[in-house]
Amino acid sequence: MFYAEGKGVPKDPARAVSLYRQAAEDGYIPSQTNLAVQLAAGTGAPKDEVEALKWFRLAAGQDEPVAQFNLGVFYENGRGIRASKKDAIAWYRKAAAQGHEKAKVALDRLIGKKTRKKA
C-alpha cells in the first residue's frame, strides 16, 4: 500500500501491483482485493477487468466486504461479466451486512430502504 499511495516511499503503482500479486497468490485476502482494484482501474498494470473479477471473486468468497461490494458494482454495470441486477443485489447485501456503507447506498438505490432492512 505504501507504494500504491506513495507513503514513505516514492509512489510506484507498478511495484504496488507486483507486491499485491505476490501476497494475493499467497492467499492474503486484503491483497487480493487491492490487486483487483488496481487491475480494474488500470493502475500500475494494464486494465484487465476479467482478471480483476477473478481476484474480487476470490476475496469476496472469503467474506471480504470491499471485494463483495466491488463484485456488486461489476455485476450491476456488466464489467467483465454479463450484467445481472440479481447478482449485484446479492453481493451488495453481503457487503452491507458487514457494514459496508457504499453497499448500503447501492441497495437503497436498487431496491429501496424497506427491502434492504429485511436483509
N, C-alpha and C. Protein backbone atom coordinates (compact mmCIF):
# COMPACT_ATOMS: atom_id res chain seq x y z
N MET A 1 0.83 -1.19 0.00
CA MET A 1 0.00 0.00 0.00
C MET A 1 0.87 1.25 0.00
N PHE A 2 2.04 1.17 0.63
CA PHE A 2 2.91 2.34 0.65
C PHE A 2 3.30 2.76 -0.77
N TYR A 3 3.63 1.79 -1.61
CA TYR A 3 3.98 2.11 -3.00
C TYR A 3 2.76 2.61 -3.77
N ALA A 4 1.61 2.06 -3.52
CA ALA A 4 0.40 2.49 -4.22
C ALA A 4 0.05 3.94 -3.87
N GLU A 5 0.25 4.30 -2.61
CA GLU A 5 -0.14 5.62 -2.14
C GLU A 5 1.02 6.60 -2.02
N GLY A 6 2.25 6.12 -2.16
CA GLY A 6 3.41 7.00 -2.03
C GLY A 6 3.64 7.45 -0.60
N LYS A 7 3.37 6.59 0.35
CA LYS A 7 3.56 6.93 1.77
C LYS A 7 4.93 6.42 2.24
N GLY A 8 5.84 7.34 2.47
CA GLY A 8 7.17 6.99 2.96
C GLY A 8 8.12 6.49 1.88
N VAL A 9 7.59 6.25 0.70
CA VAL A 9 8.39 5.81 -0.44
C VAL A 9 7.85 6.53 -1.68
N PRO A 10 8.66 6.63 -2.74
CA PRO A 10 8.11 7.22 -3.96
C PRO A 10 6.93 6.39 -4.47
N LYS A 11 5.91 7.07 -4.93
CA LYS A 11 4.74 6.37 -5.47
C LYS A 11 5.17 5.53 -6.67
N ASP A 12 4.81 4.26 -6.64
CA ASP A 12 5.21 3.33 -7.71
C ASP A 12 4.09 2.30 -7.89
N PRO A 13 3.05 2.64 -8.66
CA PRO A 13 1.91 1.74 -8.83
C PRO A 13 2.29 0.37 -9.38
N ALA A 14 3.27 0.31 -10.28
CA ALA A 14 3.68 -0.99 -10.83
C ALA A 14 4.29 -1.87 -9.74
N ARG A 15 5.09 -1.28 -8.88
CA ARG A 15 5.68 -2.04 -7.77
C ARG A 15 4.58 -2.50 -6.82
N ALA A 16 3.61 -1.64 -6.58
CA ALA A 16 2.49 -1.99 -5.71
C ALA A 16 1.74 -3.20 -6.27
N VAL A 17 1.47 -3.18 -7.58
CA VAL A 17 0.76 -4.30 -8.21
C VAL A 17 1.58 -5.58 -8.07
N SER A 18 2.87 -5.49 -8.27
CA SER A 18 3.74 -6.66 -8.15
C SER A 18 3.67 -7.25 -6.74
N LEU A 19 3.74 -6.38 -5.74
CA LEU A 19 3.70 -6.85 -4.35
C LEU A 19 2.31 -7.37 -3.98
N TYR A 20 1.27 -6.66 -4.44
CA TYR A 20 -0.09 -7.15 -4.20
C TYR A 20 -0.27 -8.54 -4.80
N ARG A 21 0.24 -8.72 -6.02
CA ARG A 21 0.09 -10.01 -6.69
C ARG A 21 0.78 -11.13 -5.90
N GLN A 22 1.99 -10.86 -5.43
CA GLN A 22 2.71 -11.87 -4.65
C GLN A 22 1.92 -12.27 -3.41
N ALA A 23 1.43 -11.28 -2.69
CA ALA A 23 0.68 -11.55 -1.48
C ALA A 23 -0.68 -12.20 -1.80
N ALA A 24 -1.31 -11.76 -2.88
CA ALA A 24 -2.60 -12.33 -3.28
C ALA A 24 -2.45 -13.80 -3.62
N GLU A 25 -1.40 -14.12 -4.36
CA GLU A 25 -1.17 -15.51 -4.73
C GLU A 25 -0.84 -16.38 -3.51
N ASP A 26 -0.32 -15.74 -2.46
CA ASP A 26 -0.05 -16.46 -1.20
C ASP A 26 -1.29 -16.56 -0.32
N GLY A 27 -2.42 -15.99 -0.80
CA GLY A 27 -3.68 -16.13 -0.09
C GLY A 27 -4.04 -14.98 0.83
N TYR A 28 -3.30 -13.89 0.79
CA TYR A 28 -3.61 -12.75 1.66
C TYR A 28 -4.81 -12.00 1.09
N ILE A 29 -5.93 -12.08 1.77
CA ILE A 29 -7.20 -11.57 1.27
C ILE A 29 -7.18 -10.07 0.96
N PRO A 30 -6.66 -9.21 1.85
CA PRO A 30 -6.64 -7.78 1.50
C PRO A 30 -5.85 -7.49 0.22
N SER A 31 -4.79 -8.23 -0.01
CA SER A 31 -4.02 -8.03 -1.24
C SER A 31 -4.78 -8.52 -2.46
N GLN A 32 -5.60 -9.54 -2.31
CA GLN A 32 -6.44 -9.99 -3.42
C GLN A 32 -7.37 -8.85 -3.84
N THR A 33 -7.95 -8.19 -2.86
CA THR A 33 -8.85 -7.08 -3.15
C THR A 33 -8.08 -5.91 -3.73
N ASN A 34 -6.95 -5.56 -3.13
CA ASN A 34 -6.16 -4.43 -3.62
C ASN A 34 -5.66 -4.67 -5.05
N LEU A 35 -5.24 -5.87 -5.33
CA LEU A 35 -4.80 -6.20 -6.69
C LEU A 35 -5.96 -6.03 -7.66
N ALA A 36 -7.12 -6.52 -7.29
CA ALA A 36 -8.30 -6.40 -8.16
C ALA A 36 -8.65 -4.94 -8.42
N VAL A 37 -8.56 -4.10 -7.39
CA VAL A 37 -8.85 -2.67 -7.56
C VAL A 37 -7.88 -2.05 -8.56
N GLN A 38 -6.60 -2.38 -8.42
CA GLN A 38 -5.59 -1.82 -9.33
C GLN A 38 -5.84 -2.29 -10.76
N LEU A 39 -6.14 -3.57 -10.93
CA LEU A 39 -6.39 -4.11 -12.27
C LEU A 39 -7.65 -3.52 -12.89
N ALA A 40 -8.67 -3.33 -12.08
CA ALA A 40 -9.92 -2.77 -12.58
C ALA A 40 -9.73 -1.34 -13.07
N ALA A 41 -8.85 -0.61 -12.41
CA ALA A 41 -8.60 0.78 -12.77
C ALA A 41 -7.49 0.94 -13.81
N GLY A 42 -6.69 -0.10 -13.98
CA GLY A 42 -5.55 0.02 -14.88
C GLY A 42 -4.44 0.85 -14.27
N THR A 43 -4.30 0.75 -12.96
CA THR A 43 -3.27 1.50 -12.23
C THR A 43 -2.12 0.56 -11.90
N GLY A 44 -0.96 0.83 -12.46
CA GLY A 44 0.21 0.02 -12.19
C GLY A 44 0.31 -1.22 -13.06
N ALA A 45 -0.71 -1.46 -13.84
CA ALA A 45 -0.77 -2.60 -14.76
C ALA A 45 -1.85 -2.29 -15.79
N PRO A 46 -1.79 -2.95 -16.94
CA PRO A 46 -2.86 -2.71 -17.91
C PRO A 46 -4.23 -3.06 -17.32
N LYS A 47 -5.22 -2.27 -17.67
CA LYS A 47 -6.59 -2.52 -17.21
C LYS A 47 -7.03 -3.91 -17.66
N ASP A 48 -7.52 -4.70 -16.71
CA ASP A 48 -7.95 -6.07 -17.01
C ASP A 48 -9.11 -6.42 -16.09
N GLU A 49 -10.32 -6.12 -16.55
CA GLU A 49 -11.49 -6.35 -15.72
C GLU A 49 -11.78 -7.82 -15.49
N VAL A 50 -11.41 -8.67 -16.44
CA VAL A 50 -11.63 -10.11 -16.27
C VAL A 50 -10.75 -10.65 -15.14
N GLU A 51 -9.48 -10.25 -15.13
CA GLU A 51 -8.61 -10.70 -14.04
C GLU A 51 -9.01 -10.05 -12.72
N ALA A 52 -9.41 -8.79 -12.77
CA ALA A 52 -9.88 -8.12 -11.55
C ALA A 52 -11.06 -8.88 -10.97
N LEU A 53 -11.97 -9.28 -11.83
CA LEU A 53 -13.14 -10.04 -11.41
C LEU A 53 -12.73 -11.34 -10.71
N LYS A 54 -11.72 -12.00 -11.24
CA LYS A 54 -11.22 -13.24 -10.63
C LYS A 54 -10.77 -12.99 -9.19
N TRP A 55 -10.00 -11.92 -8.98
CA TRP A 55 -9.50 -11.64 -7.64
C TRP A 55 -10.60 -11.14 -6.71
N PHE A 56 -11.53 -10.32 -7.24
CA PHE A 56 -12.66 -9.90 -6.41
C PHE A 56 -13.47 -11.10 -5.96
N ARG A 57 -13.72 -12.05 -6.87
CA ARG A 57 -14.49 -13.25 -6.51
C ARG A 57 -13.79 -14.05 -5.42
N LEU A 58 -12.49 -14.21 -5.56
CA LEU A 58 -11.73 -14.98 -4.57
C LEU A 58 -11.83 -14.34 -3.19
N ALA A 59 -11.59 -13.04 -3.12
CA ALA A 59 -11.65 -12.34 -1.83
C ALA A 59 -13.08 -12.28 -1.30
N ALA A 60 -14.05 -12.03 -2.18
CA ALA A 60 -15.45 -11.94 -1.75
C ALA A 60 -15.93 -13.27 -1.20
N GLY A 61 -15.47 -14.36 -1.78
CA GLY A 61 -15.84 -15.68 -1.29
C GLY A 61 -15.28 -15.98 0.09
N GLN A 62 -14.35 -15.13 0.53
CA GLN A 62 -13.76 -15.27 1.86
C GLN A 62 -14.28 -14.15 2.79
N ASP A 63 -15.45 -13.62 2.44
CA ASP A 63 -16.18 -12.62 3.23
C ASP A 63 -15.49 -11.27 3.35
N GLU A 64 -14.77 -10.86 2.33
CA GLU A 64 -14.12 -9.55 2.33
C GLU A 64 -15.12 -8.54 1.76
N PRO A 65 -15.62 -7.59 2.59
CA PRO A 65 -16.71 -6.72 2.17
C PRO A 65 -16.38 -5.77 1.02
N VAL A 66 -15.15 -5.28 0.93
CA VAL A 66 -14.81 -4.39 -0.18
C VAL A 66 -14.89 -5.15 -1.50
N ALA A 67 -14.40 -6.38 -1.50
CA ALA A 67 -14.48 -7.22 -2.70
C ALA A 67 -15.94 -7.55 -3.02
N GLN A 68 -16.74 -7.82 -2.01
CA GLN A 68 -18.15 -8.10 -2.23
C GLN A 68 -18.85 -6.90 -2.86
N PHE A 69 -18.57 -5.71 -2.33
CA PHE A 69 -19.15 -4.50 -2.91
C PHE A 69 -18.73 -4.34 -4.37
N ASN A 70 -17.45 -4.52 -4.63
CA ASN A 70 -16.96 -4.35 -6.00
C ASN A 70 -17.55 -5.39 -6.94
N LEU A 71 -17.77 -6.59 -6.47
CA LEU A 71 -18.45 -7.58 -7.30
C LEU A 71 -19.85 -7.09 -7.64
N GLY A 72 -20.52 -6.50 -6.66
CA GLY A 72 -21.82 -5.91 -6.94
C GLY A 72 -21.76 -4.87 -8.03
N VAL A 73 -20.74 -4.01 -7.97
CA VAL A 73 -20.56 -2.99 -9.00
C VAL A 73 -20.33 -3.63 -10.37
N PHE A 74 -19.48 -4.65 -10.40
CA PHE A 74 -19.19 -5.33 -11.67
C PHE A 74 -20.46 -5.95 -12.25
N TYR A 75 -21.25 -6.62 -11.41
CA TYR A 75 -22.49 -7.22 -11.90
C TYR A 75 -23.51 -6.16 -12.30
N GLU A 76 -23.60 -5.11 -11.53
CA GLU A 76 -24.57 -4.07 -11.86
C GLU A 76 -24.25 -3.41 -13.20
N ASN A 77 -22.97 -3.21 -13.48
CA ASN A 77 -22.56 -2.47 -14.67
C ASN A 77 -22.06 -3.34 -15.81
N GLY A 78 -22.06 -4.65 -15.61
CA GLY A 78 -21.59 -5.53 -16.67
C GLY A 78 -20.12 -5.36 -16.98
N ARG A 79 -19.32 -5.19 -15.97
CA ARG A 79 -17.87 -5.01 -16.15
C ARG A 79 -17.18 -6.38 -16.09
N GLY A 80 -16.70 -6.85 -17.21
CA GLY A 80 -16.01 -8.13 -17.25
C GLY A 80 -16.92 -9.33 -17.16
N ILE A 81 -18.22 -9.09 -17.09
CA ILE A 81 -19.21 -10.15 -16.93
C ILE A 81 -20.56 -9.60 -17.39
N ARG A 82 -21.47 -10.49 -17.72
CA ARG A 82 -22.82 -10.06 -18.11
C ARG A 82 -23.50 -9.37 -16.92
N ALA A 83 -24.11 -8.25 -17.17
CA ALA A 83 -24.81 -7.51 -16.13
C ALA A 83 -25.93 -8.36 -15.53
N SER A 84 -26.07 -8.28 -14.21
CA SER A 84 -27.12 -9.01 -13.52
C SER A 84 -27.51 -8.24 -12.26
N LYS A 85 -28.68 -7.63 -12.30
CA LYS A 85 -29.17 -6.90 -11.14
C LYS A 85 -29.31 -7.84 -9.94
N LYS A 86 -29.80 -9.05 -10.18
CA LYS A 86 -29.98 -10.03 -9.11
C LYS A 86 -28.65 -10.34 -8.42
N ASP A 87 -27.60 -10.60 -9.21
CA ASP A 87 -26.30 -10.89 -8.61
C ASP A 87 -25.70 -9.66 -7.94
N ALA A 88 -25.90 -8.48 -8.53
CA ALA A 88 -25.42 -7.25 -7.92
C ALA A 88 -26.04 -7.07 -6.54
N ILE A 89 -27.34 -7.25 -6.46
CA ILE A 89 -28.03 -7.10 -5.18
C ILE A 89 -27.51 -8.12 -4.16
N ALA A 90 -27.31 -9.34 -4.59
CA ALA A 90 -26.82 -10.38 -3.67
C ALA A 90 -25.46 -10.00 -3.08
N TRP A 91 -24.54 -9.50 -3.92
CA TRP A 91 -23.21 -9.12 -3.41
C TRP A 91 -23.29 -7.86 -2.57
N TYR A 92 -24.11 -6.90 -2.97
CA TYR A 92 -24.29 -5.69 -2.14
C TYR A 92 -24.84 -6.07 -0.77
N ARG A 93 -25.77 -7.00 -0.74
CA ARG A 93 -26.34 -7.43 0.55
C ARG A 93 -25.27 -8.01 1.47
N LYS A 94 -24.41 -8.84 0.91
CA LYS A 94 -23.35 -9.45 1.72
C LYS A 94 -22.42 -8.38 2.29
N ALA A 95 -22.05 -7.42 1.46
CA ALA A 95 -21.17 -6.35 1.93
C ALA A 95 -21.88 -5.46 2.94
N ALA A 96 -23.13 -5.13 2.67
CA ALA A 96 -23.91 -4.28 3.58
C ALA A 96 -24.09 -4.94 4.95
N ALA A 97 -24.27 -6.25 4.94
CA ALA A 97 -24.43 -6.98 6.20
C ALA A 97 -23.19 -6.88 7.08
N GLN A 98 -22.06 -6.56 6.46
CA GLN A 98 -20.81 -6.38 7.21
C GLN A 98 -20.52 -4.90 7.48
N GLY A 99 -21.50 -4.04 7.18
CA GLY A 99 -21.36 -2.63 7.49
C GLY A 99 -20.78 -1.77 6.38
N HIS A 100 -20.63 -2.30 5.18
CA HIS A 100 -20.07 -1.51 4.08
C HIS A 100 -21.08 -0.46 3.65
N GLU A 101 -20.76 0.80 3.90
CA GLU A 101 -21.71 1.89 3.68
C GLU A 101 -22.08 2.09 2.22
N LYS A 102 -21.11 2.00 1.31
CA LYS A 102 -21.44 2.17 -0.11
C LYS A 102 -22.36 1.06 -0.60
N ALA A 103 -22.21 -0.13 -0.04
CA ALA A 103 -23.10 -1.23 -0.41
C ALA A 103 -24.53 -0.93 0.06
N LYS A 104 -24.66 -0.35 1.24
CA LYS A 104 -25.98 0.02 1.74
C LYS A 104 -26.64 1.04 0.82
N VAL A 105 -25.85 2.01 0.37
CA VAL A 105 -26.38 3.03 -0.54
C VAL A 105 -26.80 2.38 -1.87
N ALA A 106 -25.98 1.47 -2.36
CA ALA A 106 -26.32 0.78 -3.62
C ALA A 106 -27.62 0.00 -3.48
N LEU A 107 -27.80 -0.67 -2.35
CA LEU A 107 -29.05 -1.40 -2.12
C LEU A 107 -30.24 -0.45 -2.08
N ASP A 108 -30.07 0.66 -1.37
CA ASP A 108 -31.14 1.64 -1.30
C ASP A 108 -31.53 2.10 -2.71
N ARG A 109 -30.54 2.30 -3.55
CA ARG A 109 -30.77 2.77 -4.91
C ARG A 109 -31.47 1.70 -5.75
N LEU A 110 -31.05 0.44 -5.59
CA LEU A 110 -31.58 -0.63 -6.44
C LEU A 110 -32.91 -1.21 -5.97
N ILE A 111 -33.08 -1.31 -4.66
CA ILE A 111 -34.30 -2.00 -4.18
C ILE A 111 -35.07 -1.23 -3.12
N GLY A 112 -34.55 -0.14 -2.64
CA GLY A 112 -35.26 0.65 -1.66
C GLY A 112 -34.92 0.27 -0.23
N LYS A 113 -35.05 1.24 0.65
CA LYS A 113 -34.66 1.06 2.06
C LYS A 113 -35.48 0.00 2.77
N LYS A 114 -36.77 -0.07 2.54
CA LYS A 114 -37.60 -1.02 3.25
C LYS A 114 -37.19 -2.45 2.93
N THR A 115 -36.88 -2.71 1.67
CA THR A 115 -36.46 -4.06 1.28
C THR A 115 -35.10 -4.39 1.89
N ARG A 116 -34.17 -3.41 1.86
CA ARG A 116 -32.83 -3.66 2.38
C ARG A 116 -32.86 -4.02 3.85
N LYS A 117 -33.72 -3.38 4.63
CA LYS A 117 -33.75 -3.65 6.06
C LYS A 117 -34.14 -5.08 6.39
N LYS A 118 -34.78 -5.77 5.46
CA LYS A 118 -35.13 -7.18 5.67
C LYS A 118 -33.93 -8.09 5.52
N ALA A 119 -32.89 -7.61 4.86
CA ALA A 119 -31.70 -8.44 4.58
C ALA A 119 -30.93 -8.77 5.83
